[in-house]
PDB file of all heavy atoms in Angstrom:
ATOM      1  N   LEU A   1      11.389 -14.052  25.331  1.00  0.00           N
ATOM      2  CA  LEU A   1      11.038 -12.917  24.503  1.00  0.00           C
ATOM      3  C   LEU A   1       9.795 -12.195  25.048  1.00  0.00           C
ATOM      4  O   LEU A   1       9.359 -11.219  24.495  1.00  0.00           O
ATOM      5  CB  LEU A   1      10.756 -13.357  23.062  1.00  0.00           C
ATOM      6  CG  LEU A   1      11.962 -13.787  22.250  1.00  0.00           C
ATOM      7  CD1 LEU A   1      11.532 -14.249  20.865  1.00  0.00           C
ATOM      8  CD2 LEU A   1      12.972 -12.673  22.124  1.00  0.00           C
ATOM      9  N   THR A   2       9.274 -12.691  26.135  1.00  0.00           N
ATOM     10  CA  THR A   2       8.106 -12.059  26.760  1.00  0.00           C
ATOM     11  C   THR A   2       8.442 -10.616  27.070  1.00  0.00           C
ATOM     12  O   THR A   2       9.449 -10.299  27.701  1.00  0.00           O
ATOM     13  CB  THR A   2       7.731 -12.816  28.044  1.00  0.00           C
ATOM     14  OG1 THR A   2       7.438 -14.162  27.687  1.00  0.00           O
ATOM     15  CG2 THR A   2       6.503 -12.174  28.699  1.00  0.00           C
ATOM     16  N   ALA A   3       7.569  -9.734  26.633  1.00  0.00           N
ATOM     17  CA  ALA A   3       7.811  -8.299  26.819  1.00  0.00           C
ATOM     18  C   ALA A   3       6.770  -7.744  27.754  1.00  0.00           C
ATOM     19  O   ALA A   3       5.731  -8.335  28.010  1.00  0.00           O
ATOM     20  CB  ALA A   3       7.738  -7.610  25.458  1.00  0.00           C
ATOM     21  N   GLN A   4       7.051  -6.547  28.220  1.00  0.00           N
ATOM     22  CA  GLN A   4       6.098  -5.829  29.070  1.00  0.00           C
ATOM     23  C   GLN A   4       5.126  -5.073  28.186  1.00  0.00           C
ATOM     24  O   GLN A   4       5.503  -4.532  27.149  1.00  0.00           O
ATOM     25  CB  GLN A   4       6.843  -4.866  29.995  1.00  0.00           C
ATOM     26  CG  GLN A   4       7.796  -5.585  30.937  1.00  0.00           C
ATOM     27  CD  GLN A   4       7.090  -6.531  31.874  1.00  0.00           C
ATOM     28  OE1 GLN A   4       6.041  -6.192  32.401  1.00  0.00           O
ATOM     29  NE2 GLN A   4       7.657  -7.697  32.071  1.00  0.00           N
ATOM     30  N   GLY A   5       3.880  -4.988  28.608  1.00  0.00           N
ATOM     31  CA  GLY A   5       2.892  -4.221  27.899  1.00  0.00           C
ATOM     32  C   GLY A   5       2.091  -5.036  26.902  1.00  0.00           C
ATOM     33  O   GLY A   5       2.307  -6.237  26.717  1.00  0.00           O
ATOM     34  N   THR A   6       1.166  -4.352  26.249  1.00  0.00           N
ATOM     35  CA  THR A   6       0.300  -4.993  25.277  1.00  0.00           C
ATOM     36  C   THR A   6       1.074  -5.329  23.995  1.00  0.00           C
ATOM     37  O   THR A   6       2.227  -4.892  23.816  1.00  0.00           O
ATOM     38  CB  THR A   6      -0.872  -4.076  24.895  1.00  0.00           C
ATOM     39  OG1 THR A   6      -0.330  -2.926  24.222  1.00  0.00           O
ATOM     40  CG2 THR A   6      -1.657  -3.656  26.128  1.00  0.00           C
ATOM     41  N   ILE A   7       0.417  -6.035  23.109  1.00  0.00           N
ATOM     42  CA  ILE A   7       1.056  -6.357  21.832  1.00  0.00           C
ATOM     43  C   ILE A   7       1.366  -5.077  21.051  1.00  0.00           C
ATOM     44  O   ILE A   7       2.363  -5.037  20.320  1.00  0.00           O
ATOM     45  CB  ILE A   7       0.247  -7.375  20.990  1.00  0.00           C
ATOM     46  CG1 ILE A   7      -1.192  -6.928  20.846  1.00  0.00           C
ATOM     47  CG2 ILE A   7       0.335  -8.743  21.587  1.00  0.00           C
ATOM     48  CD1 ILE A   7      -2.040  -7.871  20.038  1.00  0.00           C
ATOM     49  N   VAL A   8       0.561  -4.031  21.218  1.00  0.00           N
ATOM     50  CA  VAL A   8       0.869  -2.758  20.575  1.00  0.00           C
ATOM     51  C   VAL A   8       2.142  -2.152  21.180  1.00  0.00           C
ATOM     52  O   VAL A   8       3.005  -1.673  20.439  1.00  0.00           O
ATOM     53  CB  VAL A   8      -0.310  -1.762  20.709  1.00  0.00           C
ATOM     54  CG1 VAL A   8       0.075  -0.380  20.191  1.00  0.00           C
ATOM     55  CG2 VAL A   8      -1.518  -2.272  19.934  1.00  0.00           C
ATOM     56  N   ASP A   9       2.264  -2.229  22.505  1.00  0.00           N
ATOM     57  CA  ASP A   9       3.495  -1.725  23.127  1.00  0.00           C
ATOM     58  C   ASP A   9       4.725  -2.468  22.642  1.00  0.00           C
ATOM     59  O   ASP A   9       5.760  -1.865  22.390  1.00  0.00           O
ATOM     60  CB  ASP A   9       3.394  -1.866  24.671  1.00  0.00           C
ATOM     61  CG  ASP A   9       2.292  -1.028  25.269  1.00  0.00           C
ATOM     62  OD1 ASP A   9       2.002   0.060  24.742  1.00  0.00           O
ATOM     63  OD2 ASP A   9       1.705  -1.488  26.285  1.00  0.00           O
ATOM     64  N   VAL A  10       4.585  -3.785  22.477  1.00  0.00           N
ATOM     65  CA  VAL A  10       5.691  -4.576  21.967  1.00  0.00           C
ATOM     66  C   VAL A  10       6.084  -4.109  20.575  1.00  0.00           C
ATOM     67  O   VAL A  10       7.262  -3.924  20.252  1.00  0.00           O
ATOM     68  CB  VAL A  10       5.325  -6.099  21.948  1.00  0.00           C
ATOM     69  CG1 VAL A  10       6.384  -6.926  21.238  1.00  0.00           C
ATOM     70  CG2 VAL A  10       5.093  -6.594  23.358  1.00  0.00           C
ATOM     71  N   ALA A  11       5.075  -3.899  19.717  1.00  0.00           N
ATOM     72  CA  ALA A  11       5.329  -3.428  18.340  1.00  0.00           C
ATOM     73  C   ALA A  11       5.959  -2.048  18.333  1.00  0.00           C
ATOM     74  O   ALA A  11       6.907  -1.789  17.593  1.00  0.00           O
ATOM     75  CB  ALA A  11       4.054  -3.439  17.526  1.00  0.00           C
ATOM     76  N   VAL A  12       5.445  -1.148  19.169  1.00  0.00           N
ATOM     77  CA  VAL A  12       5.978   0.217  19.252  1.00  0.00           C
ATOM     78  C   VAL A  12       7.456   0.210  19.654  1.00  0.00           C
ATOM     79  O   VAL A  12       8.248   1.021  19.147  1.00  0.00           O
ATOM     80  CB  VAL A  12       5.142   1.099  20.222  1.00  0.00           C
ATOM     81  CG1 VAL A  12       5.842   2.392  20.554  1.00  0.00           C
ATOM     82  CG2 VAL A  12       3.769   1.372  19.610  1.00  0.00           C
ATOM     83  N   ASN A  13       7.823  -0.702  20.525  1.00  0.00           N
ATOM     84  CA  ASN A  13       9.193  -0.771  21.036  1.00  0.00           C
ATOM     85  C   ASN A  13      10.132  -1.574  20.171  1.00  0.00           C
ATOM     86  O   ASN A  13      11.284  -1.843  20.585  1.00  0.00           O
ATOM     87  CB  ASN A  13       9.173  -1.288  22.474  1.00  0.00           C
ATOM     88  CG  ASN A  13       8.565  -0.278  23.421  1.00  0.00           C
ATOM     89  OD1 ASN A  13       8.857   0.907  23.348  1.00  0.00           O
ATOM     90  ND2 ASN A  13       7.711  -0.753  24.294  1.00  0.00           N
ATOM     91  N   ASN A  14       9.695  -2.021  19.002  1.00  0.00           N
ATOM     92  CA  ASN A  14      10.546  -2.779  18.101  1.00  0.00           C
ATOM     93  C   ASN A  14      10.622  -2.067  16.755  1.00  0.00           C
ATOM     94  O   ASN A  14       9.636  -1.936  16.053  1.00  0.00           O
ATOM     95  CB  ASN A  14       9.949  -4.196  17.920  1.00  0.00           C
ATOM     96  CG  ASN A  14      10.816  -5.093  17.084  1.00  0.00           C
ATOM     97  OD1 ASN A  14      11.472  -4.662  16.146  1.00  0.00           O
ATOM     98  ND2 ASN A  14      10.816  -6.360  17.421  1.00  0.00           N
ATOM     99  N   LYS A  15      11.827  -1.589  16.425  1.00  0.00           N
ATOM    100  CA  LYS A  15      11.999  -0.792  15.211  1.00  0.00           C
ATOM    101  C   LYS A  15      11.597  -1.538  13.930  1.00  0.00           C
ATOM    102  O   LYS A  15      11.266  -0.926  12.942  1.00  0.00           O
ATOM    103  CB  LYS A  15      13.440  -0.285  15.097  1.00  0.00           C
ATOM    104  CG  LYS A  15      14.498  -1.373  15.000  1.00  0.00           C
ATOM    105  CD  LYS A  15      15.879  -0.787  14.880  1.00  0.00           C
ATOM    106  CE  LYS A  15      16.982  -1.791  14.921  1.00  0.00           C
ATOM    107  NZ  LYS A  15      16.832  -3.031  14.219  1.00  0.00           N
ATOM    108  N   ASP A  16      11.600  -2.882  13.979  1.00  0.00           N
ATOM    109  CA  ASP A  16      11.222  -3.654  12.791  1.00  0.00           C
ATOM    110  C   ASP A  16       9.722  -3.615  12.506  1.00  0.00           C
ATOM    111  O   ASP A  16       9.279  -4.079  11.458  1.00  0.00           O
ATOM    112  CB  ASP A  16      11.645  -5.113  12.971  1.00  0.00           C
ATOM    113  CG  ASP A  16      13.165  -5.260  12.948  1.00  0.00           C
ATOM    114  OD1 ASP A  16      13.829  -4.470  12.245  1.00  0.00           O
ATOM    115  OD2 ASP A  16      13.666  -6.183  13.615  1.00  0.00           O
ATOM    116  N   PHE A  17       8.942  -3.049  13.437  1.00  0.00           N
ATOM    117  CA  PHE A  17       7.479  -2.946  13.249  1.00  0.00           C
ATOM    118  C   PHE A  17       7.017  -1.514  13.074  1.00  0.00           C
ATOM    119  O   PHE A  17       5.825  -1.232  13.225  1.00  0.00           O
ATOM    120  CB  PHE A  17       6.742  -3.585  14.448  1.00  0.00           C
ATOM    121  CG  PHE A  17       6.930  -5.055  14.572  1.00  0.00           C
ATOM    122  CD1 PHE A  17       7.328  -5.617  15.794  1.00  0.00           C
ATOM    123  CD2 PHE A  17       6.746  -5.915  13.501  1.00  0.00           C
ATOM    124  CE1 PHE A  17       7.491  -6.972  15.944  1.00  0.00           C
ATOM    125  CE2 PHE A  17       6.922  -7.286  13.644  1.00  0.00           C
ATOM    126  CZ  PHE A  17       7.300  -7.827  14.861  1.00  0.00           C
ATOM    127  N   SER A  18       7.887  -0.585  12.756  1.00  0.00           N
ATOM    128  CA  SER A  18       7.490   0.824  12.667  1.00  0.00           C
ATOM    129  C   SER A  18       6.445   1.064  11.581  1.00  0.00           C
ATOM    130  O   SER A  18       5.520   1.868  11.768  1.00  0.00           O
ATOM    131  CB  SER A  18       8.707   1.747  12.462  1.00  0.00           C
ATOM    132  OG  SER A  18       9.379   1.430  11.258  1.00  0.00           O
ATOM    133  N   THR A  19       6.521   0.372  10.469  1.00  0.00           N
ATOM    134  CA  THR A  19       5.511   0.516   9.413  1.00  0.00           C
ATOM    135  C   THR A  19       4.183  -0.035   9.875  1.00  0.00           C
ATOM    136  O   THR A  19       3.127   0.583   9.655  1.00  0.00           O
ATOM    137  CB  THR A  19       5.969  -0.165   8.105  1.00  0.00           C
ATOM    138  OG1 THR A  19       7.237   0.353   7.711  1.00  0.00           O
ATOM    139  CG2 THR A  19       4.972   0.087   6.984  1.00  0.00           C
ATOM    140  N   LEU A  20       4.214  -1.167  10.574  1.00  0.00           N
ATOM    141  CA  LEU A  20       2.985  -1.734  11.115  1.00  0.00           C
ATOM    142  C   LEU A  20       2.333  -0.769  12.104  1.00  0.00           C
ATOM    143  O   LEU A  20       1.136  -0.543  12.060  1.00  0.00           O
ATOM    144  CB  LEU A  20       3.282  -3.081  11.817  1.00  0.00           C
ATOM    145  CG  LEU A  20       2.109  -3.744  12.552  1.00  0.00           C
ATOM    146  CD1 LEU A  20       0.975  -4.068  11.581  1.00  0.00           C
ATOM    147  CD2 LEU A  20       2.590  -4.994  13.275  1.00  0.00           C
ATOM    148  N   VAL A  21       3.128  -0.176  12.963  1.00  0.00           N
ATOM    149  CA  VAL A  21       2.606   0.782  13.949  1.00  0.00           C
ATOM    150  C   VAL A  21       1.968   1.986  13.247  1.00  0.00           C
ATOM    151  O   VAL A  21       0.890   2.437  13.605  1.00  0.00           O
ATOM    152  CB  VAL A  21       3.692   1.220  14.963  1.00  0.00           C
ATOM    153  CG1 VAL A  21       3.215   2.360  15.844  1.00  0.00           C
ATOM    154  CG2 VAL A  21       4.111   0.030  15.817  1.00  0.00           C
ATOM    155  N   THR A  22       2.646   2.491  12.228  1.00  0.00           N
ATOM    156  CA  THR A  22       2.121   3.604  11.423  1.00  0.00           C
ATOM    157  C   THR A  22       0.768   3.224  10.807  1.00  0.00           C
ATOM    158  O   THR A  22      -0.176   3.988  10.823  1.00  0.00           O
ATOM    159  CB  THR A  22       3.105   4.016  10.328  1.00  0.00           C
ATOM    160  OG1 THR A  22       4.319   4.461  10.949  1.00  0.00           O
ATOM    161  CG2 THR A  22       2.572   5.130   9.434  1.00  0.00           C
ATOM    162  N   ALA A  23       0.707   2.004  10.271  1.00  0.00           N
ATOM    163  CA  ALA A  23      -0.548   1.529   9.653  1.00  0.00           C
ATOM    164  C   ALA A  23      -1.646   1.353  10.693  1.00  0.00           C
ATOM    165  O   ALA A  23      -2.808   1.713  10.458  1.00  0.00           O
ATOM    166  CB  ALA A  23      -0.281   0.213   8.928  1.00  0.00           C
ATOM    167  N   LEU A  24      -1.301   0.819  11.865  1.00  0.00           N
ATOM    168  CA  LEU A  24      -2.306   0.678  12.932  1.00  0.00           C
ATOM    169  C   LEU A  24      -2.883   2.018  13.350  1.00  0.00           C
ATOM    170  O   LEU A  24      -4.081   2.151  13.578  1.00  0.00           O
ATOM    171  CB  LEU A  24      -1.691  -0.032  14.150  1.00  0.00           C
ATOM    172  CG  LEU A  24      -1.392  -1.518  14.006  1.00  0.00           C
ATOM    173  CD1 LEU A  24      -0.564  -2.028  15.181  1.00  0.00           C
ATOM    174  CD2 LEU A  24      -2.692  -2.319  13.859  1.00  0.00           C
ATOM    175  N   LYS A  25      -2.025   3.022  13.435  1.00  0.00           N
ATOM    176  CA  LYS A  25      -2.481   4.374  13.784  1.00  0.00           C
ATOM    177  C   LYS A  25      -3.372   4.942  12.694  1.00  0.00           C
ATOM    178  O   LYS A  25      -4.429   5.501  12.964  1.00  0.00           O
ATOM    179  CB  LYS A  25      -1.284   5.310  14.027  1.00  0.00           C
ATOM    180  CG  LYS A  25      -0.520   4.982  15.310  1.00  0.00           C
ATOM    181  CD  LYS A  25       0.698   5.853  15.463  1.00  0.00           C
ATOM    182  CE  LYS A  25       1.468   5.510  16.718  1.00  0.00           C
ATOM    183  NZ  LYS A  25       2.705   6.286  16.850  1.00  0.00           N
ATOM    184  N   ALA A  26      -2.958   4.765  11.429  1.00  0.00           N
ATOM    185  CA  ALA A  26      -3.740   5.286  10.287  1.00  0.00           C
ATOM    186  C   ALA A  26      -5.119   4.624  10.220  1.00  0.00           C
ATOM    187  O   ALA A  26      -6.079   5.254   9.814  1.00  0.00           O
ATOM    188  CB  ALA A  26      -2.988   5.076   8.982  1.00  0.00           C
ATOM    189  N   ALA A  27      -5.210   3.345  10.606  1.00  0.00           N
ATOM    190  CA  ALA A  27      -6.475   2.608  10.545  1.00  0.00           C
ATOM    191  C   ALA A  27      -7.259   2.755  11.850  1.00  0.00           C
ATOM    192  O   ALA A  27      -8.347   2.201  11.966  1.00  0.00           O
ATOM    193  CB  ALA A  27      -6.212   1.135  10.277  1.00  0.00           C
ATOM    194  N   ASP A  28      -6.723   3.503  12.779  1.00  0.00           N
ATOM    195  CA  ASP A  28      -7.349   3.733  14.083  1.00  0.00           C
ATOM    196  C   ASP A  28      -7.628   2.417  14.819  1.00  0.00           C
ATOM    197  O   ASP A  28      -8.691   2.209  15.396  1.00  0.00           O
ATOM    198  CB  ASP A  28      -8.650   4.541  13.902  1.00  0.00           C
ATOM    199  CG  ASP A  28      -9.083   5.238  15.185  1.00  0.00           C
ATOM    200  OD1 ASP A  28      -8.234   5.461  16.058  1.00  0.00           O
ATOM    201  OD2 ASP A  28     -10.297   5.543  15.306  1.00  0.00           O
ATOM    202  N   LEU A  29      -6.636   1.515  14.810  1.00  0.00           N
ATOM    203  CA  LEU A  29      -6.775   0.214  15.446  1.00  0.00           C
ATOM    204  C   LEU A  29      -5.934   0.064  16.707  1.00  0.00           C
ATOM    205  O   LEU A  29      -6.008  -0.978  17.365  1.00  0.00           O
ATOM    206  CB  LEU A  29      -6.402  -0.906  14.467  1.00  0.00           C
ATOM    207  CG  LEU A  29      -7.351  -1.107  13.295  1.00  0.00           C
ATOM    208  CD1 LEU A  29      -6.782  -2.127  12.319  1.00  0.00           C
ATOM    209  CD2 LEU A  29      -8.718  -1.558  13.802  1.00  0.00           C
ATOM    210  N   VAL A  30      -5.148   1.063  17.063  1.00  0.00           N
ATOM    211  CA  VAL A  30      -4.268   0.953  18.243  1.00  0.00           C
ATOM    212  C   VAL A  30      -5.085   0.648  19.484  1.00  0.00           C
ATOM    213  O   VAL A  30      -4.770  -0.269  20.239  1.00  0.00           O
ATOM    214  CB  VAL A  30      -3.416   2.224  18.417  1.00  0.00           C
ATOM    215  CG1 VAL A  30      -2.661   2.215  19.734  1.00  0.00           C
ATOM    216  CG2 VAL A  30      -2.435   2.355  17.240  1.00  0.00           C
ATOM    217  N   GLY A  31      -6.159   1.409  19.712  1.00  0.00           N
ATOM    218  CA  GLY A  31      -6.980   1.222  20.888  1.00  0.00           C
ATOM    219  C   GLY A  31      -7.564  -0.176  20.979  1.00  0.00           C
ATOM    220  O   GLY A  31      -7.565  -0.796  22.049  1.00  0.00           O
ATOM    221  N   ALA A  32      -8.037  -0.696  19.836  1.00  0.00           N
ATOM    222  CA  ALA A  32      -8.635  -2.034  19.841  1.00  0.00           C
ATOM    223  C   ALA A  32      -7.631  -3.092  20.223  1.00  0.00           C
ATOM    224  O   ALA A  32      -7.920  -4.014  20.979  1.00  0.00           O
ATOM    225  CB  ALA A  32      -9.226  -2.335  18.455  1.00  0.00           C
ATOM    226  N   LEU A  33      -6.395  -2.969  19.718  1.00  0.00           N
ATOM    227  CA  LEU A  33      -5.367  -3.975  20.003  1.00  0.00           C
ATOM    228  C   LEU A  33      -4.674  -3.771  21.337  1.00  0.00           C
ATOM    229  O   LEU A  33      -3.823  -4.573  21.727  1.00  0.00           O
ATOM    230  CB  LEU A  33      -4.344  -4.019  18.855  1.00  0.00           C
ATOM    231  CG  LEU A  33      -4.860  -4.597  17.561  1.00  0.00           C
ATOM    232  CD1 LEU A  33      -3.815  -4.553  16.461  1.00  0.00           C
ATOM    233  CD2 LEU A  33      -5.380  -6.019  17.750  1.00  0.00           C
ATOM    234  N   GLN A  34      -5.045  -2.703  22.044  1.00  0.00           N
ATOM    235  CA  GLN A  34      -4.573  -2.522  23.399  1.00  0.00           C
ATOM    236  C   GLN A  34      -5.602  -3.068  24.405  1.00  0.00           C
ATOM    237  O   GLN A  34      -5.380  -3.036  25.595  1.00  0.00           O
ATOM    238  CB  GLN A  34      -4.265  -1.052  23.693  1.00  0.00           C
ATOM    239  CG  GLN A  34      -2.980  -0.596  23.031  1.00  0.00           C
ATOM    240  CD  GLN A  34      -2.689   0.871  23.287  1.00  0.00           C
ATOM    241  OE1 GLN A  34      -3.580   1.710  23.351  1.00  0.00           O
ATOM    242  NE2 GLN A  34      -1.414   1.172  23.417  1.00  0.00           N
ATOM    243  N   GLY A  35      -6.729  -3.570  23.885  1.00  0.00           N
ATOM    244  CA  GLY A  35      -7.791  -4.122  24.716  1.00  0.00           C
ATOM    245  C   GLY A  35      -7.347  -5.409  25.378  1.00  0.00           C
ATOM    246  O   GLY A  35      -6.235  -5.885  25.207  1.00  0.00           O
ATOM    247  N   ASP A  36      -8.280  -6.000  26.136  1.00  0.00           N
ATOM    248  CA  ASP A  36      -7.971  -7.183  26.906  1.00  0.00           C
ATOM    249  C   ASP A  36      -7.571  -8.390  26.047  1.00  0.00           C
ATOM    250  O   ASP A  36      -6.744  -9.192  26.477  1.00  0.00           O
ATOM    251  CB  ASP A  36      -9.189  -7.577  27.757  1.00  0.00           C
ATOM    252  CG  ASP A  36      -9.467  -6.594  28.886  1.00  0.00           C
ATOM    253  OD1 ASP A  36      -8.525  -5.844  29.238  1.00  0.00           O
ATOM    254  OD2 ASP A  36     -10.588  -6.559  29.377  1.00  0.00           O
ATOM    255  N   GLY A  37      -8.169  -8.500  24.878  1.00  0.00           N
ATOM    256  CA  GLY A  37      -7.849  -9.664  24.052  1.00  0.00           C
ATOM    257  C   GLY A  37      -8.367 -10.942  24.688  1.00  0.00           C
ATOM    258  O   GLY A  37      -9.402 -10.934  25.314  1.00  0.00           O
ATOM    259  N   PRO A  38      -7.643 -12.005  24.569  1.00  0.00           N
ATOM    260  CA  PRO A  38      -6.310 -12.100  23.971  1.00  0.00           C
ATOM    261  C   PRO A  38      -6.375 -12.135  22.458  1.00  0.00           C
ATOM    262  O   PRO A  38      -7.384 -12.508  21.863  1.00  0.00           O
ATOM    263  CB  PRO A  38      -5.735 -13.409  24.533  1.00  0.00           C
ATOM    264  CG  PRO A  38      -6.943 -14.242  24.752  1.00  0.00           C
ATOM    265  CD  PRO A  38      -8.050 -13.292  25.139  1.00  0.00           C
ATOM    266  N   PHE A  39      -5.255 -11.744  21.842  1.00  0.00           N
ATOM    267  CA  PHE A  39      -5.124 -11.695  20.397  1.00  0.00           C
ATOM    268  C   PHE A  39      -3.898 -12.490  19.960  1.00  0.00           C
ATOM    269  O   PHE A  39      -2.916 -12.558  20.696  1.00  0.00           O
ATOM    270  CB  PHE A  39      -4.953 -10.277  19.886  1.00  0.00           C
ATOM    271  CG  PHE A  39      -6.063  -9.344  20.263  1.00  0.00           C
ATOM    272  CD1 PHE A  39      -5.853  -8.391  21.234  1.00  0.00           C
ATOM    273  CD2 PHE A  39      -7.282  -9.414  19.653  1.00  0.00           C
ATOM    274  CE1 PHE A  39      -6.855  -7.496  21.604  1.00  0.00           C
ATOM    275  CE2 PHE A  39      -8.312  -8.519  20.011  1.00  0.00           C
ATOM    276  CZ  PHE A  39      -8.074  -7.562  20.988  1.00  0.00           C
ATOM    277  N   THR A  40      -3.962 -13.042  18.767  1.00  0.00           N
ATOM    278  CA  THR A  40      -2.779 -13.570  18.086  1.00  0.00           C
ATOM    279  C   THR A  40      -2.585 -12.699  16.875  1.00  0.00           C
ATOM    280  O   THR A  40      -3.497 -12.566  16.031  1.00  0.00           O
ATOM    281  CB  THR A  40      -2.971 -15.054  17.672  1.00  0.00           C
ATOM    282  OG1 THR A  40      -3.212 -15.828  18.854  1.00  0.00           O
ATOM    283  CG2 THR A  40      -1.774 -15.574  16.914  1.00  0.00           C
ATOM    284  N   VAL A  41      -1.433 -12.068  16.788  1.00  0.00           N
ATOM    285  CA  VAL A  41      -1.141 -11.161  15.678  1.00  0.00           C
ATOM    286  C   VAL A  41      -0.023 -11.772  14.815  1.00  0.00           C
ATOM    287  O   VAL A  41       1.028 -12.141  15.334  1.00  0.00           O
ATOM    288  CB  VAL A  41      -0.687  -9.782  16.188  1.00  0.00           C
ATOM    289  CG1 VAL A  41      -0.326  -8.865  15.028  1.00  0.00           C
ATOM    290  CG2 VAL A  41      -1.785  -9.159  17.042  1.00  0.00           C
ATOM    291  N   PHE A  42      -0.293 -11.876  13.530  1.00  0.00           N
ATOM    292  CA  PHE A  42       0.721 -12.267  12.557  1.00  0.00           C
ATOM    293  C   PHE A  42       1.252 -10.964  12.016  1.00  0.00           C
ATOM    294  O   PHE A  42       0.638 -10.319  11.163  1.00  0.00           O
ATOM    295  CB  PHE A  42       0.093 -13.152  11.480  1.00  0.00           C
ATOM    296  CG  PHE A  42      -0.419 -14.479  12.021  1.00  0.00           C
ATOM    297  CD1 PHE A  42      -1.757 -14.646  12.266  1.00  0.00           C
ATOM    298  CD2 PHE A  42       0.462 -15.488  12.321  1.00  0.00           C
ATOM    299  CE1 PHE A  42      -2.231 -15.858  12.768  1.00  0.00           C
ATOM    300  CE2 PHE A  42       0.015 -16.705  12.835  1.00  0.00           C
ATOM    301  CZ  PHE A  42      -1.339 -16.872  13.074  1.00  0.00           C
ATOM    302  N   ALA A  43       2.381 -10.523  12.558  1.00  0.00           N
ATOM    303  CA  ALA A  43       2.877  -9.165  12.331  1.00  0.00           C
ATOM    304  C   ALA A  43       3.921  -9.103  11.211  1.00  0.00           C
ATOM    305  O   ALA A  43       5.008  -9.673  11.325  1.00  0.00           O
ATOM    306  CB  ALA A  43       3.506  -8.640  13.634  1.00  0.00           C
TER     307      ALA A  43
END
């Protein structure tokens, strides 16, 4: 299930996370979660 790109890219490319992506954009967190990390996201 390893995907290409950051965890944000993975979420953007999965239709089941569209509300999460909308919320990340509204909270201005996209840039932070595209950083080096590493992060564990409970999505």
